[in-house]
């Protein structure tokens, strides 16, 4: 199992200084990375992947769990990009960080912007399996992707957040981008003892 269900007693305190202990259940998650992959024509790479919890195929950016203890987030993103999309990016920036569902999970996602792309050599390509084996990919103009988000045609949170963040960053002349190694205090250390 990659994540755990936990129950914790939390003291919410009170305005009067009294203790107010409540029990909260949560999903402990190692975190994940996603990449808005942007080519030289400002098209975003989206892949259609089956997601069993919602029983649907969703259009998503390349992404992956931070389930290797101590793995750097940008290195994990580069690995996932090569494995899922057969691409290498020479330029990496942080677009946005977010919690996916803070009412019930501690999952934090860092969304990178990956640019200056080249293909993974054929001999070095990763052999995909399970639901990653047949993921159709489409290059979608960034403005079209924004329209798909706003019309409710895409539902994956990394797609929604990442596409809107990329459009906002482009409008700001990319000045809002952070370095790929920017601090990320919200990330749990994957697979570390609790």
Protein backbone atom coordinates (compact mmCIF):
# COMPACT_ATOMS: atom_id res chain seq x y z
CA UNK A 1 0.00 0.00 0.00
CA UNK A 2 1.25 3.46 -0.89
CA UNK A 3 -0.94 5.37 1.56
CA UNK A 4 -2.53 4.76 4.94
CA UNK A 5 -5.78 5.56 6.65
CA UNK A 6 -5.27 7.09 10.08
CA UNK A 7 -7.41 8.39 12.92
CA UNK A 8 -6.06 11.08 15.20
CA UNK A 9 -7.31 13.05 18.17
CA UNK A 10 -6.87 16.77 17.54
CA UNK A 11 -7.18 19.55 20.11
CA UNK A 12 -8.93 22.41 18.32
CA UNK A 13 -8.75 24.63 21.38
CA UNK A 14 -11.39 27.19 22.10
CA UNK A 15 -11.69 30.93 22.38
CA UNK A 16 -12.07 30.46 26.12
CA UNK A 17 -8.83 28.45 26.33
CA UNK A 18 -10.63 25.18 26.97
CA UNK A 19 -9.51 22.01 25.24
CA UNK A 20 -11.79 20.72 22.47
CA UNK A 21 -10.54 17.34 21.33
CA UNK A 22 -12.11 15.85 18.20
CA UNK A 23 -11.33 12.67 16.30
CA UNK A 24 -10.42 13.06 12.62
CA UNK A 25 -9.84 10.35 10.04
CA UNK A 26 -7.46 11.09 7.20
CA UNK A 27 -5.57 9.55 4.35
CA UNK A 28 -1.77 9.80 4.78
CA UNK A 29 -0.25 10.20 1.33
CA UNK A 30 3.39 10.46 0.19
CA UNK A 31 2.58 13.26 -2.26
CA UNK A 32 2.93 13.49 -6.00
CA UNK A 33 4.30 15.51 -8.87
CA UNK A 34 2.64 16.52 -12.11
CA UNK A 35 4.01 18.25 -15.16
CA UNK A 36 2.42 20.73 -17.49
CA UNK A 37 4.45 19.83 -20.55
CA UNK A 38 4.52 22.75 -22.97
CA UNK A 39 6.00 22.45 -26.45
CA UNK A 40 7.42 25.24 -28.64
CA UNK A 41 3.91 25.95 -30.01
CA UNK A 42 2.44 26.46 -26.49
CA UNK A 43 0.57 23.18 -26.63
CA UNK A 44 0.00 21.14 -23.47
CA UNK A 45 0.44 17.37 -23.40
CA UNK A 46 -2.63 15.60 -21.97
CA UNK A 47 -2.99 11.86 -21.58
CA UNK A 48 -6.19 9.90 -21.09
CA UNK A 49 -5.91 7.50 -18.15
CA UNK A 50 -8.45 5.26 -16.41
CA UNK A 51 -9.00 6.14 -12.74
CA UNK A 52 -10.85 3.40 -10.92
CA UNK A 53 -12.04 5.38 -7.84
CA UNK A 54 -14.17 7.57 -10.14
CA UNK A 55 -14.78 4.85 -12.75
CA UNK A 56 -13.73 7.08 -15.63
CA UNK A 57 -10.93 7.94 -17.99
CA UNK A 58 -9.58 11.43 -17.32
CA UNK A 59 -7.40 13.79 -19.34
CA UNK A 60 -4.30 14.36 -17.25
CA UNK A 61 -0.78 15.68 -17.46
CA UNK A 62 2.05 13.21 -16.87
CA UNK A 63 2.27 12.67 -13.11
CA UNK A 64 3.42 10.25 -10.46
CA UNK A 65 3.65 9.43 -6.79
CA UNK A 66 6.57 10.43 -4.60
CA UNK A 67 6.85 6.87 -3.34
CA UNK A 68 10.64 6.47 -3.46
CA UNK A 69 12.10 7.54 -0.12
CA UNK A 70 14.27 10.65 -0.44
CA UNK A 71 13.71 11.11 -4.19
CA UNK A 72 13.96 14.75 -5.24
CA UNK A 73 10.65 16.05 -6.61
CA UNK A 74 12.14 17.36 -9.87
CA UNK A 75 14.00 14.11 -10.42
CA UNK A 76 10.74 12.20 -9.84
CA UNK A 77 9.01 14.47 -12.35
CA UNK A 78 11.74 13.87 -14.95
CA UNK A 79 11.49 10.11 -14.37
CA UNK A 80 7.71 10.16 -14.75
CA UNK A 81 7.90 12.31 -17.89
CA UNK A 82 10.29 9.84 -19.50
CA UNK A 83 8.25 6.80 -18.39
CA UNK A 84 4.80 8.11 -19.29
CA UNK A 85 5.47 10.34 -22.30
CA UNK A 86 8.88 9.29 -23.67
CA UNK A 87 10.09 12.88 -23.26
CA UNK A 88 12.99 14.70 -21.65
CA UNK A 89 12.70 18.36 -20.64
CA UNK A 90 15.75 20.61 -20.49
CA UNK A 91 13.90 23.38 -18.64
CA UNK A 92 12.01 22.88 -15.37
CA UNK A 93 10.15 25.43 -13.25
CA UNK A 94 7.61 25.18 -10.44
CA UNK A 95 4.16 26.35 -11.52
CA UNK A 96 2.13 25.72 -8.37
CA UNK A 97 1.83 23.60 -5.23
CA UNK A 98 -1.49 22.50 -3.76
CA UNK A 99 -3.22 20.08 -1.38
CA UNK A 100 -5.66 17.88 -3.29
CA UNK A 101 -8.25 17.35 -0.56
CA UNK A 102 -7.18 18.93 2.74
CA UNK A 103 -10.43 17.99 4.46
CA UNK A 104 -9.50 14.32 4.34
CA UNK A 105 -5.96 13.84 3.02
CA UNK A 106 -2.49 15.31 3.48
CA UNK A 107 -1.63 14.72 -0.21
CA UNK A 108 0.46 17.58 -1.57
CA UNK A 109 1.16 17.96 -5.28
CA UNK A 110 3.84 20.04 -6.93
CA UNK A 111 3.08 20.95 -10.54
CA UNK A 112 6.13 21.65 -12.68
CA UNK A 113 6.30 23.38 -16.03
CA UNK A 114 8.43 21.23 -18.34
CA UNK A 115 9.76 22.84 -21.55
CA UNK A 116 12.52 22.53 -24.14
CA UNK A 117 11.54 18.97 -24.98
CA UNK A 118 13.30 16.13 -26.74
CA UNK A 119 12.36 12.46 -27.16
CA UNK A 120 13.75 9.65 -25.03
CA UNK A 121 15.91 7.47 -27.33
CA UNK A 122 13.98 4.42 -28.53
CA UNK A 123 16.38 2.00 -26.83
CA UNK A 124 15.87 3.71 -23.44
CA UNK A 125 12.07 3.82 -23.44
CA UNK A 126 10.17 2.48 -20.45
CA UNK A 127 7.82 -0.46 -20.97
CA UNK A 128 4.42 0.62 -19.66
CA UNK A 129 1.97 -1.75 -18.01
CA UNK A 130 -1.45 -1.83 -16.35
CA UNK A 131 -3.51 1.37 -16.84
CA UNK A 132 -0.45 3.23 -18.14
CA UNK A 133 -0.06 0.81 -21.05
CA UNK A 134 -2.68 2.39 -23.33
CA UNK A 135 -2.86 6.10 -22.57
CA UNK A 136 -3.74 8.09 -25.66
CA UNK A 137 -1.96 11.45 -25.74
CA UNK A 138 -3.01 14.75 -27.29
CA UNK A 139 -1.19 18.04 -27.70
CA UNK A 140 -3.75 20.76 -26.90
CA UNK A 141 -3.14 24.50 -27.37
CA UNK A 142 -2.91 26.11 -23.93
CA UNK A 143 -5.85 28.44 -24.64
CA UNK A 144 -7.99 25.48 -25.74
CA UNK A 145 -7.00 23.61 -22.57
CA UNK A 146 -8.12 26.60 -20.47
CA UNK A 147 -11.47 26.51 -22.27
CA UNK A 148 -11.83 22.78 -21.58
CA UNK A 149 -11.20 23.41 -17.88
CA UNK A 150 -13.70 26.26 -17.67
CA UNK A 151 -16.37 24.26 -19.54
CA UNK A 152 -16.00 21.38 -17.10
CA UNK A 153 -14.64 19.00 -19.73
CA UNK A 154 -11.61 17.98 -17.65
CA UNK A 155 -11.78 16.91 -14.01
CA UNK A 156 -8.34 15.81 -12.88
CA UNK A 157 -7.16 18.34 -10.26
CA UNK A 158 -3.59 18.49 -11.57
CA UNK A 159 -4.93 19.29 -15.04
CA UNK A 160 -7.31 21.97 -13.77
CA UNK A 161 -4.81 23.62 -11.43
CA UNK A 162 -1.82 23.18 -13.74
CA UNK A 163 -3.48 24.47 -16.92
CA UNK A 164 -4.91 27.54 -15.17
CA UNK A 165 -1.55 28.21 -13.46
CA UNK A 166 0.28 27.90 -16.78
CA UNK A 167 -2.10 30.34 -18.46
CA UNK A 168 -1.72 32.82 -15.57
CA UNK A 169 2.08 32.45 -15.62
CA UNK A 170 2.17 33.08 -19.37
CA UNK A 171 0.03 36.21 -18.92
CA UNK A 172 2.58 37.40 -16.34
CA UNK A 173 5.41 36.83 -18.82
CA UNK A 174 6.45 33.70 -16.87
CA UNK A 175 7.60 35.96 -14.00
CA UNK A 176 5.63 33.94 -11.42
CA UNK A 177 7.59 30.72 -12.05
CA UNK A 178 9.76 29.44 -9.21
CA UNK A 179 13.01 27.49 -9.50
CA UNK A 180 12.62 23.72 -9.80
CA UNK A 181 14.27 23.32 -6.39
CA UNK A 182 12.09 25.91 -4.62
CA UNK A 183 11.30 25.00 -0.99
CA UNK A 184 8.25 22.77 -0.57
CA UNK A 185 7.50 22.52 3.15
CA UNK A 186 4.07 20.95 2.56
CA UNK A 187 5.65 17.75 1.18
CA UNK A 188 5.85 14.78 3.53
CA UNK A 189 8.98 12.69 3.28
CA UNK A 190 7.86 9.70 1.25
CA UNK A 191 7.80 6.41 3.12
CA UNK A 192 9.52 7.90 6.15
CA UNK A 193 8.67 6.33 9.50
CA UNK A 194 5.78 8.07 11.21
